[in-house]
C-alpha atoms as a PDB file:
ATOM      1  CA  UNK A   1      -0.190 -35.328  27.306  1.00  0.00           C
ATOM      2  CA  UNK A   2      -0.903 -31.596  27.448  1.00  0.00           C
ATOM      3  CA  UNK A   3       2.526 -30.983  28.991  1.00  0.00           C
ATOM      4  CA  UNK A   4       4.155 -32.712  26.014  1.00  0.00           C
ATOM      5  CA  UNK A   5       2.298 -30.463  23.583  1.00  0.00           C
ATOM      6  CA  UNK A   6       3.379 -27.337  25.465  1.00  0.00           C
ATOM      7  CA  UNK A   7       6.965 -28.563  25.675  1.00  0.00           C
ATOM      8  CA  UNK A   8       7.041 -28.702  21.859  1.00  0.00           C
ATOM      9  CA  UNK A   9       6.080 -25.022  21.777  1.00  0.00           C
ATOM     10  CA  UNK A  10       9.003 -24.118  24.052  1.00  0.00           C
ATOM     11  CA  UNK A  11      11.627 -25.198  21.516  1.00  0.00           C
ATOM     12  CA  UNK A  12      13.812 -22.637  19.711  1.00  0.00           C
ATOM     13  CA  UNK A  13      12.270 -23.811  16.426  1.00  0.00           C
ATOM     14  CA  UNK A  14       8.997 -22.222  17.566  1.00  0.00           C
ATOM     15  CA  UNK A  15      10.145 -19.446  19.910  1.00  0.00           C
ATOM     16  CA  UNK A  16      12.585 -17.693  17.550  1.00  0.00           C
ATOM     17  CA  UNK A  17      10.017 -17.054  14.770  1.00  0.00           C
ATOM     18  CA  UNK A  18       7.430 -16.105  17.396  1.00  0.00           C
ATOM     19  CA  UNK A  19       9.801 -13.551  18.942  1.00  0.00           C
ATOM     20  CA  UNK A  20      10.634 -12.167  15.484  1.00  0.00           C
ATOM     21  CA  UNK A  21       6.990 -11.845  14.503  1.00  0.00           C
ATOM     22  CA  UNK A  22       6.185 -10.157  17.805  1.00  0.00           C
ATOM     23  CA  UNK A  23       9.030  -7.657  17.411  1.00  0.00           C
ATOM     24  CA  UNK A  24       8.016  -6.907  13.823  1.00  0.00           C
ATOM     25  CA  UNK A  25       4.383  -6.341  14.738  1.00  0.00           C
ATOM     26  CA  UNK A  26       5.340  -4.018  17.604  1.00  0.00           C
ATOM     27  CA  UNK A  27       7.693  -2.041  15.352  1.00  0.00           C
ATOM     28  CA  UNK A  28       5.052  -1.671  12.642  1.00  0.00           C
ATOM     29  CA  UNK A  29       2.426  -0.616  15.161  1.00  0.00           C
ATOM     30  CA  UNK A  30       4.768   2.031  16.574  1.00  0.00           C
ATOM     31  CA  UNK A  31       5.627   3.272  13.084  1.00  0.00           C
ATOM     32  CA  UNK A  32       2.050   3.629  11.915  1.00  0.00           C
ATOM     33  CA  UNK A  33       0.824   5.302  15.089  1.00  0.00           C
ATOM     34  CA  UNK A  34       3.563   7.945  14.946  1.00  0.00           C
ATOM     35  CA  UNK A  35       3.427   8.435  11.185  1.00  0.00           C
ATOM     36  CA  UNK A  36       1.667  11.511   9.864  1.00  0.00           C
ATOM     37  CA  UNK A  37       1.730  10.603   6.170  1.00  0.00           C
ATOM     38  CA  UNK A  38      -2.043  10.288   6.050  1.00  0.00           C
ATOM     39  CA  UNK A  39      -2.387  14.068   6.448  1.00  0.00           C
ATOM     40  CA  UNK A  40       0.591  15.015   4.282  1.00  0.00           C
ATOM     41  CA  UNK A  41      -1.440  16.628   1.491  1.00  0.00           C
ATOM     42  CA  UNK A  42      -4.065  18.366   3.592  1.00  0.00           C
ATOM     43  CA  UNK A  43      -3.758  22.026   4.368  1.00  0.00           C
ATOM     44  CA  UNK A  44      -4.777  22.909   7.892  1.00  0.00           C
ATOM     45  CA  UNK A  45      -7.140  25.697   8.763  1.00  0.00           C
ATOM     46  CA  UNK A  46      -7.524  27.628  11.954  1.00  0.00           C
ATOM     47  CA  UNK A  47     -10.101  29.948  13.437  1.00  0.00           C
ATOM     48  CA  UNK A  48      -9.326  33.610  13.912  1.00  0.00           C
ATOM     49  CA  UNK A  49     -12.926  34.596  14.327  1.00  0.00           C
ATOM     50  CA  UNK A  50     -16.057  32.399  14.483  1.00  0.00           C
ATOM     51  CA  UNK A  51     -16.836  33.442  10.892  1.00  0.00           C
ATOM     52  CA  UNK A  52     -13.315  33.583   9.413  1.00  0.00           C
ATOM     53  CA  UNK A  53     -10.831  30.858   8.388  1.00  0.00           C
ATOM     54  CA  UNK A  54      -7.133  31.139   7.521  1.00  0.00           C
ATOM     55  CA  UNK A  55      -5.436  28.662   5.172  1.00  0.00           C
ATOM     56  CA  UNK A  56      -2.079  27.515   6.495  1.00  0.00           C
ATOM     57  CA  UNK A  57       0.746  26.852   4.012  1.00  0.00           C
ATOM     58  CA  UNK A  58       2.301  23.405   3.776  1.00  0.00           C
ATOM     59  CA  UNK A  59       6.005  23.076   4.469  1.00  0.00           C
ATOM     60  CA  UNK A  60       6.255  19.695   2.728  1.00  0.00           C
ATOM     61  CA  UNK A  61       3.945  17.812   0.400  1.00  0.00           C
ATOM     62  CA  UNK A  62       4.179  14.103  -0.371  1.00  0.00           C
ATOM     63  CA  UNK A  63       2.449  12.509  -3.354  1.00  0.00           C
ATOM     64  CA  UNK A  64       0.631   9.412  -2.105  1.00  0.00           C
ATOM     65  CA  UNK A  65      -0.609   8.269  -5.527  1.00  0.00           C
ATOM     66  CA  UNK A  66       0.710   4.799  -6.327  1.00  0.00           C
ATOM     67  CA  UNK A  67      -1.103   4.363  -9.637  1.00  0.00           C
ATOM     68  CA  UNK A  68       1.073   2.195 -11.903  1.00  0.00           C
ATOM     69  CA  UNK A  69      -1.277   2.305 -14.903  1.00  0.00           C
ATOM     70  CA  UNK A  70      -0.404   5.790 -16.202  1.00  0.00           C
END
């Protein structure tokens, strides 16, 4: 009985969407782990001295505001 239930899962009707969903989730995970958009509007600072900071200039700035009510 259990073997019959597992044999239903081995059909292309089940395996093709499962493979697609797996590939999509892996691609999205890779994209979001390598993406640096979450720090796009922050300017970095660095130490030159324990009491002194230097502001670094941004090369590119991305507006992350998605407000549609303006």
